[in-house]
Amino acid sequence: MGLSAPSLLTFLLSFVIMLSVLFAKFFGATIPGLTGDTTQFAGLLVAYVILTLGCLIRSL
């Protein structure tokens, strides 16, 4: 299994999701859907999965 760098769009999508979760957690930003600790963890998990899939699948 070969790894490749994710495309710019995949990386930016993952980065924006990660930043929104961090702003909601540490700076008290009110973002719909990211209110509790469980949903914030799920948001970070989604960002990481998107980034991982971007590295594993060349078409993403």
PDB file of N, CA and C in Angstrom:
ATOM      1  N   MET A   1       0.855  -1.172   0.000  1.00  0.00           N
ATOM      2  CA  MET A   1       0.000   0.000   0.000  1.00  0.00           C
ATOM      3  C   MET A   1       0.901   1.235   0.000  1.00  0.00           C
ATOM      4  N   GLY A   2       0.736   2.041  -1.001  1.00  0.00           N
ATOM      5  CA  GLY A   2       1.542   3.247  -1.098  1.00  0.00           C
ATOM      6  C   GLY A   2       0.795   4.457  -0.566  1.00  0.00           C
ATOM      7  N   LEU A   3       1.515   5.318   0.096  1.00  0.00           N
ATOM      8  CA  LEU A   3       0.927   6.551   0.602  1.00  0.00           C
ATOM      9  C   LEU A   3       1.265   7.694  -0.341  1.00  0.00           C
ATOM     10  N   SER A   4       0.343   8.627  -0.436  1.00  0.00           N
ATOM     11  CA  SER A   4       0.592   9.816  -1.242  1.00  0.00           C
ATOM     12  C   SER A   4       0.146  11.040  -0.455  1.00  0.00           C
ATOM     13  N   ALA A   5       0.622  12.176  -0.863  1.00  0.00           N
ATOM     14  CA  ALA A   5       0.207  13.417  -0.199  1.00  0.00           C
ATOM     15  C   ALA A   5      -1.255  13.701  -0.552  1.00  0.00           C
ATOM     16  N   PRO A   6      -2.032  14.192   0.408  1.00  0.00           N
ATOM     17  CA  PRO A   6      -3.431  14.507   0.104  1.00  0.00           C
ATOM     18  C   PRO A   6      -3.504  15.728  -0.809  1.00  0.00           C
ATOM     19  N   SER A   7      -4.614  15.821  -1.526  1.00  0.00           N
ATOM     20  CA  SER A   7      -4.788  16.993  -2.378  1.00  0.00           C
ATOM     21  C   SER A   7      -5.014  18.223  -1.498  1.00  0.00           C
ATOM     22  N   LEU A   8      -4.877  19.372  -2.093  1.00  0.00           N
ATOM     23  CA  LEU A   8      -5.027  20.620  -1.346  1.00  0.00           C
ATOM     24  C   LEU A   8      -6.438  20.755  -0.783  1.00  0.00           C
ATOM     25  N   LEU A   9      -7.439  20.367  -1.559  1.00  0.00           N
ATOM     26  CA  LEU A   9      -8.826  20.455  -1.100  1.00  0.00           C
ATOM     27  C   LEU A   9      -9.077  19.544   0.103  1.00  0.00           C
ATOM     28  N   THR A  10      -8.554  18.325   0.063  1.00  0.00           N
ATOM     29  CA  THR A  10      -8.709  17.393   1.178  1.00  0.00           C
ATOM     30  C   THR A  10      -8.023  17.922   2.430  1.00  0.00           C
ATOM     31  N   PHE A  11      -6.815  18.427   2.266  1.00  0.00           N
ATOM     32  CA  PHE A  11      -6.092  18.970   3.406  1.00  0.00           C
ATOM     33  C   PHE A  11      -6.818  20.174   3.998  1.00  0.00           C
ATOM     34  N   LEU A  12      -7.290  21.085   3.154  1.00  0.00           N
ATOM     35  CA  LEU A  12      -7.972  22.278   3.653  1.00  0.00           C
ATOM     36  C   LEU A  12      -9.292  21.937   4.338  1.00  0.00           C
ATOM     37  N   LEU A  13     -10.029  20.958   3.805  1.00  0.00           N
ATOM     38  CA  LEU A  13     -11.269  20.533   4.450  1.00  0.00           C
ATOM     39  C   LEU A  13     -10.991  19.981   5.838  1.00  0.00           C
ATOM     40  N   SER A  14      -9.992  19.132   5.950  1.00  0.00           N
ATOM     41  CA  SER A  14      -9.612  18.579   7.242  1.00  0.00           C
ATOM     42  C   SER A  14      -9.144  19.673   8.195  1.00  0.00           C
ATOM     43  N   PHE A  15      -8.378  20.625   7.682  1.00  0.00           N
ATOM     44  CA  PHE A  15      -7.839  21.701   8.498  1.00  0.00           C
ATOM     45  C   PHE A  15      -8.942  22.632   9.007  1.00  0.00           C
ATOM     46  N   VAL A  16      -9.914  22.946   8.164  1.00  0.00           N
ATOM     47  CA  VAL A  16     -11.020  23.818   8.563  1.00  0.00           C
ATOM     48  C   VAL A  16     -11.879  23.143   9.628  1.00  0.00           C
ATOM     49  N   ILE A  17     -12.152  21.856   9.480  1.00  0.00           N
ATOM     50  CA  ILE A  17     -12.921  21.131  10.499  1.00  0.00           C
ATOM     51  C   ILE A  17     -12.164  21.121  11.818  1.00  0.00           C
ATOM     52  N   MET A  18     -10.868  20.865  11.762  1.00  0.00           N
ATOM     53  CA  MET A  18     -10.054  20.840  12.971  1.00  0.00           C
ATOM     54  C   MET A  18     -10.023  22.206  13.653  1.00  0.00           C
ATOM     55  N   LEU A  19      -9.867  23.258  12.871  1.00  0.00           N
ATOM     56  CA  LEU A  19      -9.841  24.602  13.457  1.00  0.00           C
ATOM     57  C   LEU A  19     -11.181  24.980  14.082  1.00  0.00           C
ATOM     58  N   SER A  20     -12.268  24.600  13.443  1.00  0.00           N
ATOM     59  CA  SER A  20     -13.580  24.931  14.011  1.00  0.00           C
ATOM     60  C   SER A  20     -13.799  24.218  15.338  1.00  0.00           C
ATOM     61  N   VAL A  21     -13.353  22.975  15.445  1.00  0.00           N
ATOM     62  CA  VAL A  21     -13.482  22.251  16.712  1.00  0.00           C
ATOM     63  C   VAL A  21     -12.602  22.891  17.781  1.00  0.00           C
ATOM     64  N   LEU A  22     -11.387  23.267  17.433  1.00  0.00           N
ATOM     65  CA  LEU A  22     -10.495  23.889  18.415  1.00  0.00           C
ATOM     66  C   LEU A  22     -11.009  25.251  18.869  1.00  0.00           C
ATOM     67  N   PHE A  23     -11.563  26.035  17.957  1.00  0.00           N
ATOM     68  CA  PHE A  23     -12.151  27.320  18.349  1.00  0.00           C
ATOM     69  C   PHE A  23     -13.350  27.115  19.262  1.00  0.00           C
ATOM     70  N   ALA A  24     -14.157  26.093  18.990  1.00  0.00           N
ATOM     71  CA  ALA A  24     -15.314  25.816  19.841  1.00  0.00           C
ATOM     72  C   ALA A  24     -14.870  25.346  21.230  1.00  0.00           C
ATOM     73  N   LYS A  25     -13.810  24.576  21.277  1.00  0.00           N
ATOM     74  CA  LYS A  25     -13.352  24.014  22.547  1.00  0.00           C
ATOM     75  C   LYS A  25     -12.624  25.042  23.415  1.00  0.00           C
ATOM     76  N   PHE A  26     -11.649  25.732  22.849  1.00  0.00           N
ATOM     77  CA  PHE A  26     -10.772  26.557  23.665  1.00  0.00           C
ATOM     78  C   PHE A  26     -11.135  28.032  23.701  1.00  0.00           C
ATOM     79  N   PHE A  27     -11.831  28.518  22.680  1.00  0.00           N
ATOM     80  CA  PHE A  27     -12.151  29.938  22.641  1.00  0.00           C
ATOM     81  C   PHE A  27     -13.627  30.216  22.848  1.00  0.00           C
ATOM     82  N   GLY A  28     -14.428  29.189  23.071  1.00  0.00           N
ATOM     83  CA  GLY A  28     -15.833  29.364  23.376  1.00  0.00           C
ATOM     84  C   GLY A  28     -16.696  29.795  22.204  1.00  0.00           C
ATOM     85  N   ALA A  29     -16.248  29.540  20.980  1.00  0.00           N
ATOM     86  CA  ALA A  29     -17.048  29.892  19.808  1.00  0.00           C
ATOM     87  C   ALA A  29     -18.285  28.998  19.764  1.00  0.00           C
ATOM     88  N   THR A  30     -19.411  29.562  19.378  1.00  0.00           N
ATOM     89  CA  THR A  30     -20.646  28.777  19.269  1.00  0.00           C
ATOM     90  C   THR A  30     -20.815  28.342  17.819  1.00  0.00           C
ATOM     91  N   ILE A  31     -20.541  27.093  17.579  1.00  0.00           N
ATOM     92  CA  ILE A  31     -20.665  26.506  16.251  1.00  0.00           C
ATOM     93  C   ILE A  31     -21.735  25.423  16.356  1.00  0.00           C
ATOM     94  N   PRO A  32     -22.810  25.534  15.564  1.00  0.00           N
ATOM     95  CA  PRO A  32     -23.878  24.530  15.638  1.00  0.00           C
ATOM     96  C   PRO A  32     -23.344  23.126  15.370  1.00  0.00           C
ATOM     97  N   GLY A  33     -23.706  22.199  16.212  1.00  0.00           N
ATOM     98  CA  GLY A  33     -23.262  20.820  16.060  1.00  0.00           C
ATOM     99  C   GLY A  33     -21.995  20.485  16.822  1.00  0.00           C
ATOM    100  N   LEU A  34     -21.301  21.471  17.351  1.00  0.00           N
ATOM    101  CA  LEU A  34     -20.069  21.222  18.100  1.00  0.00           C
ATOM    102  C   LEU A  34     -20.200  21.783  19.510  1.00  0.00           C
ATOM    103  N   THR A  35     -21.213  21.340  20.232  1.00  0.00           N
ATOM    104  CA  THR A  35     -21.477  21.915  21.543  1.00  0.00           C
ATOM    105  C   THR A  35     -20.880  21.103  22.685  1.00  0.00           C
ATOM    106  N   GLY A  36     -20.948  19.793  22.624  1.00  0.00           N
ATOM    107  CA  GLY A  36     -20.467  18.973  23.729  1.00  0.00           C
ATOM    108  C   GLY A  36     -19.101  18.381  23.460  1.00  0.00           C
ATOM    109  N   ASP A  37     -18.531  17.781  24.504  1.00  0.00           N
ATOM    110  CA  ASP A  37     -17.213  17.157  24.355  1.00  0.00           C
ATOM    111  C   ASP A  37     -17.262  15.978  23.388  1.00  0.00           C
ATOM    112  N   THR A  38     -18.364  15.230  23.403  1.00  0.00           N
ATOM    113  CA  THR A  38     -18.484  14.073  22.520  1.00  0.00           C
ATOM    114  C   THR A  38     -18.538  14.497  21.065  1.00  0.00           C
ATOM    115  N   THR A  39     -19.295  15.531  20.756  1.00  0.00           N
ATOM    116  CA  THR A  39     -19.373  15.984  19.366  1.00  0.00           C
ATOM    117  C   THR A  39     -18.077  16.649  18.924  1.00  0.00           C
ATOM    118  N   GLN A  40     -17.368  17.280  19.839  1.00  0.00           N
ATOM    119  CA  GLN A  40     -16.080  17.865  19.479  1.00  0.00           C
ATOM    120  C   GLN A  40     -15.064  16.764  19.177  1.00  0.00           C
ATOM    121  N   PHE A  41     -15.092  15.694  19.962  1.00  0.00           N
ATOM    122  CA  PHE A  41     -14.210  14.563  19.674  1.00  0.00           C
ATOM    123  C   PHE A  41     -14.567  13.951  18.333  1.00  0.00           C
ATOM    124  N   ALA A  42     -15.849  13.810  18.058  1.00  0.00           N
ATOM    125  CA  ALA A  42     -16.282  13.252  16.780  1.00  0.00           C
ATOM    126  C   ALA A  42     -15.855  14.159  15.627  1.00  0.00           C
ATOM    127  N   GLY A  43     -15.897  15.463  15.819  1.00  0.00           N
ATOM    128  CA  GLY A  43     -15.448  16.390  14.791  1.00  0.00           C
ATOM    129  C   GLY A  43     -13.967  16.234  14.490  1.00  0.00           C
ATOM    130  N   LEU A  44     -13.155  16.100  15.540  1.00  0.00           N
ATOM    131  CA  LEU A  44     -11.721  15.876  15.326  1.00  0.00           C
ATOM    132  C   LEU A  44     -11.462  14.524  14.670  1.00  0.00           C
ATOM    133  N   LEU A  45     -12.259  13.525  15.032  1.00  0.00           N
ATOM    134  CA  LEU A  45     -12.118  12.207  14.422  1.00  0.00           C
ATOM    135  C   LEU A  45     -12.455  12.264  12.937  1.00  0.00           C
ATOM    136  N   VAL A  46     -13.499  12.983  12.585  1.00  0.00           N
ATOM    137  CA  VAL A  46     -13.878  13.132  11.177  1.00  0.00           C
ATOM    138  C   VAL A  46     -12.765  13.833  10.398  1.00  0.00           C
ATOM    139  N   ALA A  47     -12.197  14.888  10.971  1.00  0.00           N
ATOM    140  CA  ALA A  47     -11.105  15.600  10.303  1.00  0.00           C
ATOM    141  C   ALA A  47      -9.910  14.680  10.077  1.00  0.00           C
ATOM    142  N   TYR A  48      -9.588  13.872  11.053  1.00  0.00           N
ATOM    143  CA  TYR A  48      -8.450  12.965  10.924  1.00  0.00           C
ATOM    144  C   TYR A  48      -8.725  11.858   9.906  1.00  0.00           C
ATOM    145  N   VAL A  49      -9.954  11.346   9.894  1.00  0.00           N
ATOM    146  CA  VAL A  49     -10.311  10.296   8.937  1.00  0.00           C
ATOM    147  C   VAL A  49     -10.255  10.844   7.511  1.00  0.00           C
ATOM    148  N   ILE A  50     -10.744  12.076   7.308  1.00  0.00           N
ATOM    149  CA  ILE A  50     -10.676  12.690   5.979  1.00  0.00           C
ATOM    150  C   ILE A  50      -9.222  12.823   5.539  1.00  0.00           C
ATOM    151  N   LEU A  51      -8.369  13.274   6.430  1.00  0.00           N
ATOM    152  CA  LEU A  51      -6.954  13.425   6.094  1.00  0.00           C
ATOM    153  C   LEU A  51      -6.300  12.074   5.825  1.00  0.00           C
ATOM    154  N   THR A  52      -6.635  11.063   6.602  1.00  0.00           N
ATOM    155  CA  THR A  52      -6.081   9.727   6.398  1.00  0.00           C
ATOM    156  C   THR A  52      -6.528   9.143   5.064  1.00  0.00           C
ATOM    157  N   LEU A  53      -7.816   9.286   4.754  1.00  0.00           N
ATOM    158  CA  LEU A  53      -8.307   8.792   3.479  1.00  0.00           C
ATOM    159  C   LEU A  53      -7.665   9.538   2.313  1.00  0.00           C
ATOM    160  N   GLY A  54      -7.407  10.818   2.497  1.00  0.00           N
ATOM    161  CA  GLY A  54      -6.721  11.582   1.454  1.00  0.00           C
ATOM    162  C   GLY A  54      -5.312  11.091   1.205  1.00  0.00           C
ATOM    163  N   CYS A  55      -4.664  10.540   2.230  1.00  0.00           N
ATOM    164  CA  CYS A  55      -3.314   9.994   2.057  1.00  0.00           C
ATOM    165  C   CYS A  55      -3.335   8.590   1.478  1.00  0.00           C
ATOM    166  N   LEU A  56      -4.395   7.841   1.763  1.00  0.00           N
ATOM    167  CA  LEU A  56      -4.459   6.446   1.314  1.00  0.00           C
ATOM    168  C   LEU A  56      -5.045   6.292  -0.084  1.00  0.00           C
ATOM    169  N   ILE A  57      -6.006   7.132  -0.432  1.00  0.00           N
ATOM    170  CA  ILE A  57      -6.682   7.015  -1.720  1.00  0.00           C
ATOM    171  C   ILE A  57      -6.212   8.182  -2.596  1.00  0.00           C
ATOM    172  N   ARG A  58      -5.682   7.869  -3.718  1.00  0.00           N
ATOM    173  CA  ARG A  58      -5.067   8.905  -4.561  1.00  0.00           C
ATOM    174  C   ARG A  58      -6.084   9.841  -5.192  1.00  0.00           C
ATOM    175  N   SER A  59      -7.319   9.411  -5.371  1.00  0.00           N
ATOM    176  CA  SER A  59      -8.293  10.248  -6.067  1.00  0.00           C
ATOM    177  C   SER A  59      -8.946  11.279  -5.147  1.00  0.00           C
ATOM    178  N   LEU A  60      -8.660  11.247  -3.846  1.00  0.00           N
ATOM    179  CA  LEU A  60      -9.272  12.228  -2.931  1.00  0.00           C
ATOM    180  C   LEU A  60      -8.429  13.464  -2.807  1.00  0.00           C
TER     181      LEU A  60
END
